[in-house]
N, C-alpha and C. Protein backbone atom coordinates (compact mmCIF):
# COMPACT_ATOMS: atom_id res chain seq x y z
N UNK A 1 -32.94 42.14 16.12
CA UNK A 1 -33.50 43.39 15.67
C UNK A 1 -34.23 44.02 16.84
N UNK A 2 -34.13 45.34 16.93
CA UNK A 2 -34.81 46.09 17.97
C UNK A 2 -36.31 46.14 17.68
N UNK A 3 -37.12 46.33 18.73
CA UNK A 3 -38.58 46.37 18.53
C UNK A 3 -39.03 47.46 17.55
N UNK A 4 -38.25 48.52 17.42
CA UNK A 4 -38.64 49.60 16.50
C UNK A 4 -38.22 49.33 15.06
N UNK A 5 -37.68 48.12 14.78
CA UNK A 5 -37.31 47.76 13.42
C UNK A 5 -35.87 48.06 13.05
N UNK A 6 -35.15 48.73 13.95
CA UNK A 6 -33.74 49.01 13.67
C UNK A 6 -32.87 47.82 14.02
N UNK A 7 -31.75 47.71 13.33
CA UNK A 7 -30.81 46.63 13.63
C UNK A 7 -29.95 47.01 14.81
N UNK A 8 -29.51 45.99 15.55
CA UNK A 8 -28.55 46.26 16.61
C UNK A 8 -27.24 46.70 15.94
N UNK A 9 -26.37 47.40 16.66
CA UNK A 9 -25.15 47.95 16.02
C UNK A 9 -24.28 46.90 15.33
N UNK A 10 -24.13 45.73 15.91
CA UNK A 10 -23.28 44.70 15.28
C UNK A 10 -23.89 44.21 13.97
N UNK A 11 -25.19 44.02 13.95
CA UNK A 11 -25.85 43.56 12.73
C UNK A 11 -25.85 44.67 11.68
N UNK A 12 -26.02 45.91 12.09
CA UNK A 12 -25.94 47.03 11.15
C UNK A 12 -24.56 47.10 10.52
N UNK A 13 -23.52 46.92 11.32
CA UNK A 13 -22.15 46.92 10.80
C UNK A 13 -21.95 45.78 9.81
N UNK A 14 -22.47 44.60 10.15
CA UNK A 14 -22.38 43.45 9.24
C UNK A 14 -23.12 43.73 7.94
N UNK A 15 -24.32 44.31 8.02
CA UNK A 15 -25.11 44.68 6.84
C UNK A 15 -24.28 45.59 5.92
N UNK A 16 -23.66 46.60 6.51
CA UNK A 16 -22.86 47.54 5.72
C UNK A 16 -21.66 46.84 5.07
N UNK A 17 -20.97 46.00 5.84
CA UNK A 17 -19.81 45.29 5.31
C UNK A 17 -20.22 44.32 4.20
N UNK A 18 -21.30 43.60 4.40
CA UNK A 18 -21.79 42.68 3.38
C UNK A 18 -22.06 43.44 2.08
N UNK A 19 -22.75 44.57 2.16
CA UNK A 19 -23.09 45.32 0.96
C UNK A 19 -21.90 46.07 0.37
N UNK A 20 -20.86 46.27 1.14
CA UNK A 20 -19.62 46.85 0.59
C UNK A 20 -18.86 45.77 -0.18
N UNK A 21 -18.80 44.57 0.37
CA UNK A 21 -18.04 43.50 -0.27
C UNK A 21 -18.80 42.84 -1.42
N UNK A 22 -20.09 42.72 -1.31
CA UNK A 22 -20.89 42.14 -2.39
C UNK A 22 -21.22 43.28 -3.35
N UNK A 23 -20.38 43.41 -4.35
CA UNK A 23 -20.50 44.56 -5.25
C UNK A 23 -21.21 44.23 -6.56
N UNK A 24 -21.83 43.06 -6.61
CA UNK A 24 -22.65 42.70 -7.77
C UNK A 24 -24.12 42.80 -7.36
N UNK A 25 -24.96 43.24 -8.28
CA UNK A 25 -26.41 43.24 -8.04
C UNK A 25 -26.92 41.80 -8.12
N UNK A 26 -28.05 41.55 -7.50
CA UNK A 26 -28.62 40.21 -7.50
C UNK A 26 -28.86 39.68 -8.90
N UNK A 27 -29.44 40.51 -9.78
CA UNK A 27 -29.71 40.05 -11.14
C UNK A 27 -28.41 39.82 -11.91
N UNK A 28 -27.42 40.64 -11.65
CA UNK A 28 -26.11 40.50 -12.30
C UNK A 28 -25.44 39.19 -11.84
N UNK A 29 -25.50 38.91 -10.55
CA UNK A 29 -24.91 37.68 -10.02
C UNK A 29 -25.63 36.46 -10.57
N UNK A 30 -26.94 36.48 -10.55
CA UNK A 30 -27.71 35.33 -11.06
C UNK A 30 -27.40 35.08 -12.53
N UNK A 31 -27.34 36.13 -13.33
CA UNK A 31 -27.00 35.98 -14.75
C UNK A 31 -25.62 35.37 -14.91
N UNK A 32 -24.66 35.85 -14.13
CA UNK A 32 -23.30 35.32 -14.22
C UNK A 32 -23.28 33.84 -13.83
N UNK A 33 -24.02 33.50 -12.79
CA UNK A 33 -24.03 32.12 -12.32
C UNK A 33 -24.63 31.15 -13.35
N UNK A 34 -25.51 31.63 -14.21
CA UNK A 34 -26.14 30.73 -15.18
C UNK A 34 -25.37 30.65 -16.49
N UNK A 35 -24.24 31.31 -16.57
CA UNK A 35 -23.43 31.26 -17.79
C UNK A 35 -22.24 30.34 -17.62
N UNK A 36 -21.60 30.05 -18.70
CA UNK A 36 -20.38 29.24 -18.64
C UNK A 36 -19.27 29.94 -17.87
N UNK A 37 -19.35 31.26 -17.72
CA UNK A 37 -18.30 32.00 -17.02
C UNK A 37 -18.16 31.55 -15.57
N UNK A 38 -19.21 31.02 -14.99
CA UNK A 38 -19.13 30.64 -13.59
C UNK A 38 -18.51 29.26 -13.37
N UNK A 39 -18.18 28.56 -14.42
CA UNK A 39 -17.48 27.28 -14.29
C UNK A 39 -18.42 26.13 -14.01
N UNK A 40 -18.07 25.31 -13.01
CA UNK A 40 -18.79 24.08 -12.73
C UNK A 40 -20.22 24.31 -12.26
N UNK A 41 -20.52 25.50 -11.76
CA UNK A 41 -21.82 25.75 -11.17
C UNK A 41 -22.84 26.29 -12.16
N UNK A 42 -22.67 25.98 -13.43
CA UNK A 42 -23.61 26.42 -14.45
C UNK A 42 -24.97 25.78 -14.19
N UNK A 43 -26.00 26.53 -14.41
CA UNK A 43 -27.34 26.01 -14.16
C UNK A 43 -27.76 24.99 -15.20
N UNK A 44 -28.49 24.02 -14.75
CA UNK A 44 -29.06 23.02 -15.63
C UNK A 44 -30.51 23.36 -15.91
N UNK A 45 -31.34 22.35 -16.21
CA UNK A 45 -32.73 22.60 -16.58
C UNK A 45 -33.57 23.24 -15.46
N UNK A 46 -33.27 22.97 -14.19
CA UNK A 46 -34.03 23.56 -13.09
C UNK A 46 -33.13 24.54 -12.35
N UNK A 47 -33.22 25.84 -12.67
CA UNK A 47 -32.31 26.83 -12.10
C UNK A 47 -32.27 26.84 -10.58
N UNK A 48 -33.37 26.62 -9.91
CA UNK A 48 -33.36 26.68 -8.46
C UNK A 48 -32.61 25.51 -7.83
N UNK A 49 -32.61 24.37 -8.49
CA UNK A 49 -31.91 23.22 -7.93
C UNK A 49 -30.41 23.27 -8.21
N UNK A 50 -30.02 23.80 -9.35
CA UNK A 50 -28.64 23.72 -9.76
C UNK A 50 -27.80 24.94 -9.40
N UNK A 51 -28.39 26.00 -8.93
CA UNK A 51 -27.64 27.20 -8.58
C UNK A 51 -26.74 26.90 -7.39
N UNK A 52 -25.47 27.25 -7.49
CA UNK A 52 -24.54 27.00 -6.40
C UNK A 52 -25.11 27.57 -5.11
N UNK A 53 -24.99 26.83 -4.02
CA UNK A 53 -25.59 27.25 -2.76
C UNK A 53 -25.08 28.61 -2.33
N UNK A 54 -23.81 28.90 -2.56
CA UNK A 54 -23.28 30.21 -2.18
C UNK A 54 -23.95 31.32 -2.98
N UNK A 55 -24.02 31.14 -4.27
CA UNK A 55 -24.64 32.15 -5.11
C UNK A 55 -26.11 32.32 -4.80
N UNK A 56 -26.81 31.21 -4.58
CA UNK A 56 -28.23 31.26 -4.24
C UNK A 56 -28.44 32.02 -2.94
N UNK A 57 -27.57 31.78 -1.98
CA UNK A 57 -27.64 32.44 -0.69
C UNK A 57 -27.43 33.95 -0.84
N UNK A 58 -26.44 34.34 -1.62
CA UNK A 58 -26.15 35.76 -1.82
C UNK A 58 -27.28 36.44 -2.58
N UNK A 59 -27.78 35.80 -3.64
CA UNK A 59 -28.89 36.39 -4.39
C UNK A 59 -30.08 36.61 -3.45
N UNK A 60 -30.38 35.64 -2.61
CA UNK A 60 -31.49 35.79 -1.66
C UNK A 60 -31.24 36.95 -0.69
N UNK A 61 -30.02 37.05 -0.18
CA UNK A 61 -29.70 38.13 0.75
C UNK A 61 -29.82 39.51 0.10
N UNK A 62 -29.48 39.59 -1.17
CA UNK A 62 -29.56 40.87 -1.86
C UNK A 62 -31.01 41.33 -2.05
N UNK A 63 -31.96 40.44 -1.91
CA UNK A 63 -33.37 40.83 -2.04
C UNK A 63 -33.98 41.21 -0.70
N UNK A 64 -33.27 40.97 0.37
CA UNK A 64 -33.80 41.23 1.71
C UNK A 64 -33.74 42.71 2.07
N UNK A 65 -34.73 43.12 2.84
CA UNK A 65 -34.69 44.44 3.46
C UNK A 65 -34.14 44.25 4.87
N UNK A 66 -33.51 45.28 5.39
CA UNK A 66 -32.98 45.18 6.75
C UNK A 66 -34.03 44.71 7.73
N UNK A 67 -35.23 45.27 7.63
CA UNK A 67 -36.29 44.96 8.58
C UNK A 67 -36.73 43.50 8.50
N UNK A 68 -36.42 42.80 7.41
CA UNK A 68 -36.87 41.42 7.21
C UNK A 68 -35.79 40.38 7.48
N UNK A 69 -34.62 40.80 7.96
CA UNK A 69 -33.54 39.85 8.19
C UNK A 69 -33.90 38.83 9.25
N UNK A 70 -33.55 37.59 8.97
CA UNK A 70 -33.72 36.52 9.95
C UNK A 70 -32.35 36.23 10.57
N UNK A 71 -32.34 35.43 11.61
CA UNK A 71 -31.08 35.03 12.22
C UNK A 71 -30.24 34.23 11.21
N UNK A 72 -30.90 33.43 10.37
CA UNK A 72 -30.18 32.68 9.33
C UNK A 72 -29.55 33.65 8.33
N UNK A 73 -30.25 34.71 7.97
CA UNK A 73 -29.69 35.71 7.06
C UNK A 73 -28.43 36.32 7.66
N UNK A 74 -28.47 36.63 8.94
CA UNK A 74 -27.32 37.23 9.62
C UNK A 74 -26.15 36.24 9.59
N UNK A 75 -26.41 34.97 9.86
CA UNK A 75 -25.35 33.96 9.79
C UNK A 75 -24.80 33.85 8.38
N UNK A 76 -25.70 33.86 7.39
CA UNK A 76 -25.26 33.77 6.00
C UNK A 76 -24.42 34.98 5.60
N UNK A 77 -24.84 36.17 5.99
CA UNK A 77 -24.06 37.38 5.67
C UNK A 77 -22.68 37.29 6.31
N UNK A 78 -22.63 36.85 7.55
CA UNK A 78 -21.34 36.73 8.25
C UNK A 78 -20.42 35.75 7.51
N UNK A 79 -20.98 34.62 7.05
CA UNK A 79 -20.17 33.62 6.33
C UNK A 79 -19.69 34.15 4.98
N UNK A 80 -20.55 34.85 4.25
CA UNK A 80 -20.15 35.43 2.96
C UNK A 80 -19.04 36.45 3.17
N UNK A 81 -19.19 37.32 4.16
CA UNK A 81 -18.16 38.32 4.45
C UNK A 81 -16.84 37.62 4.79
N UNK A 82 -16.91 36.58 5.62
CA UNK A 82 -15.70 35.85 6.00
C UNK A 82 -15.01 35.25 4.77
N UNK A 83 -15.79 34.63 3.89
CA UNK A 83 -15.21 33.99 2.71
C UNK A 83 -14.61 35.01 1.75
N UNK A 84 -15.32 36.11 1.52
CA UNK A 84 -14.79 37.14 0.61
C UNK A 84 -13.49 37.72 1.17
N UNK A 85 -13.49 38.05 2.47
CA UNK A 85 -12.27 38.59 3.08
C UNK A 85 -11.11 37.62 2.95
N UNK A 86 -11.38 36.32 3.21
CA UNK A 86 -10.31 35.32 3.12
C UNK A 86 -9.73 35.25 1.71
N UNK A 87 -10.59 35.31 0.71
CA UNK A 87 -10.10 35.28 -0.68
C UNK A 87 -9.34 36.55 -1.02
N UNK A 88 -9.80 37.70 -0.56
CA UNK A 88 -9.11 38.96 -0.84
C UNK A 88 -7.77 39.03 -0.10
N UNK A 89 -7.68 38.36 1.04
CA UNK A 89 -6.43 38.34 1.79
C UNK A 89 -5.34 37.51 1.11
N UNK A 90 -5.76 36.64 0.19
CA UNK A 90 -4.82 35.80 -0.55
C UNK A 90 -5.04 35.99 -2.05
N UNK A 91 -4.74 37.18 -2.54
CA UNK A 91 -5.04 37.46 -3.96
C UNK A 91 -4.22 36.58 -4.90
N UNK A 92 -4.90 36.09 -5.92
CA UNK A 92 -4.25 35.33 -7.00
C UNK A 92 -4.83 35.86 -8.30
N UNK A 93 -4.54 37.10 -8.58
CA UNK A 93 -5.14 37.82 -9.70
C UNK A 93 -4.96 37.08 -11.02
N UNK A 94 -3.87 36.38 -11.18
CA UNK A 94 -3.61 35.67 -12.44
C UNK A 94 -4.41 34.37 -12.56
N UNK A 95 -5.07 33.94 -11.50
CA UNK A 95 -5.81 32.68 -11.49
C UNK A 95 -7.31 32.96 -11.64
N UNK A 96 -7.90 32.59 -12.78
CA UNK A 96 -9.33 32.86 -12.97
C UNK A 96 -10.21 32.15 -11.94
N UNK A 97 -9.73 31.05 -11.37
CA UNK A 97 -10.52 30.35 -10.34
C UNK A 97 -10.71 31.22 -9.10
N UNK A 98 -9.71 32.05 -8.78
CA UNK A 98 -9.80 32.98 -7.64
C UNK A 98 -10.93 33.98 -7.89
N UNK A 99 -10.94 34.56 -9.08
CA UNK A 99 -12.00 35.53 -9.41
C UNK A 99 -13.37 34.84 -9.42
N UNK A 100 -13.45 33.65 -9.98
CA UNK A 100 -14.73 32.93 -10.03
C UNK A 100 -15.22 32.60 -8.63
N UNK A 101 -14.32 32.22 -7.72
CA UNK A 101 -14.73 31.95 -6.34
C UNK A 101 -15.31 33.20 -5.70
N UNK A 102 -14.69 34.34 -5.94
CA UNK A 102 -15.22 35.61 -5.42
C UNK A 102 -16.56 35.95 -6.05
N UNK A 103 -16.65 35.74 -7.34
CA UNK A 103 -17.89 36.11 -8.04
C UNK A 103 -19.05 35.21 -7.62
N UNK A 104 -18.80 33.95 -7.28
CA UNK A 104 -19.87 33.10 -6.76
C UNK A 104 -20.43 33.65 -5.45
N UNK A 105 -19.64 34.49 -4.79
CA UNK A 105 -20.06 35.14 -3.54
C UNK A 105 -20.59 36.55 -3.79
N UNK A 106 -20.67 36.96 -5.05
CA UNK A 106 -21.20 38.27 -5.37
C UNK A 106 -20.18 39.39 -5.37
N UNK A 107 -18.90 39.05 -5.37
CA UNK A 107 -17.85 40.06 -5.39
C UNK A 107 -17.05 39.94 -6.68
N UNK A 108 -17.08 40.98 -7.49
CA UNK A 108 -16.27 41.01 -8.71
C UNK A 108 -15.04 41.86 -8.43
N UNK A 109 -13.86 41.24 -8.32
CA UNK A 109 -12.66 41.99 -7.99
C UNK A 109 -12.21 42.95 -9.10
N UNK A 110 -12.81 42.85 -10.28
CA UNK A 110 -12.43 43.75 -11.36
C UNK A 110 -13.29 45.02 -11.40
N UNK A 111 -14.35 45.08 -10.59
CA UNK A 111 -15.16 46.29 -10.55
C UNK A 111 -14.36 47.40 -9.85
N UNK A 112 -14.54 48.63 -10.30
CA UNK A 112 -13.77 49.74 -9.73
C UNK A 112 -13.98 49.93 -8.23
N UNK A 113 -15.15 49.55 -7.70
CA UNK A 113 -15.41 49.75 -6.28
C UNK A 113 -14.94 48.58 -5.42
N UNK A 114 -14.22 47.64 -6.02
CA UNK A 114 -13.77 46.48 -5.28
C UNK A 114 -12.67 46.85 -4.29
N UNK A 115 -12.79 46.43 -3.02
CA UNK A 115 -11.70 46.66 -2.08
C UNK A 115 -10.45 45.94 -2.57
N UNK A 116 -9.35 46.57 -2.44
CA UNK A 116 -8.08 45.98 -2.85
C UNK A 116 -7.48 45.22 -1.67
N UNK A 117 -6.71 44.17 -1.94
CA UNK A 117 -6.15 43.37 -0.86
C UNK A 117 -5.30 44.18 0.13
N UNK A 118 -4.70 45.26 -0.33
CA UNK A 118 -3.83 46.03 0.57
C UNK A 118 -4.56 47.16 1.29
N UNK A 119 -5.89 47.29 1.10
CA UNK A 119 -6.66 48.32 1.77
C UNK A 119 -6.97 47.90 3.20
N UNK A 120 -6.99 48.88 4.10
CA UNK A 120 -7.41 48.61 5.46
C UNK A 120 -8.92 48.53 5.50
N UNK A 121 -9.43 47.67 6.37
CA UNK A 121 -10.88 47.55 6.50
C UNK A 121 -11.36 48.58 7.50
N UNK A 122 -12.58 49.15 7.19
CA UNK A 122 -13.16 50.18 8.04
C UNK A 122 -13.82 49.71 9.24
C-alpha cells in the first residue's frame, strides 16, 4: 500500500477482480455456509471452529476496507480469485458439487451478475 493509503495498481486490480468474482455478500455467504446447502462444511456447535477455511477467509475479506488490507489478505484474495477462475473454466452446471465449491468461495454461479465461463476477463 502506498503511504497515502492508496493501493498499488496490481493490488487495486486484484481488489476489483476479487469483488467482481465474489458476488455473495458476507452475511449471505455465512448464512449459506451454516446451512445444509453447503454440504460437508455445515457448522457445528462452535461456528468459528467449524466454518470451512475457504468460506471463513472470504467472509473475513468481505469485511475489510482497502486501507486495512494486509499482505495475507492480498495472498488470500489472489488464491480465491485463482480458485474461482479455475472452477469457472471447467463448468459442470449439472453437478451441484461444482456450484457448492464456488459458493464456498463466495461465488454463486446462478446470480445474474455471475461471469459466464465463455466471457473474456477484463
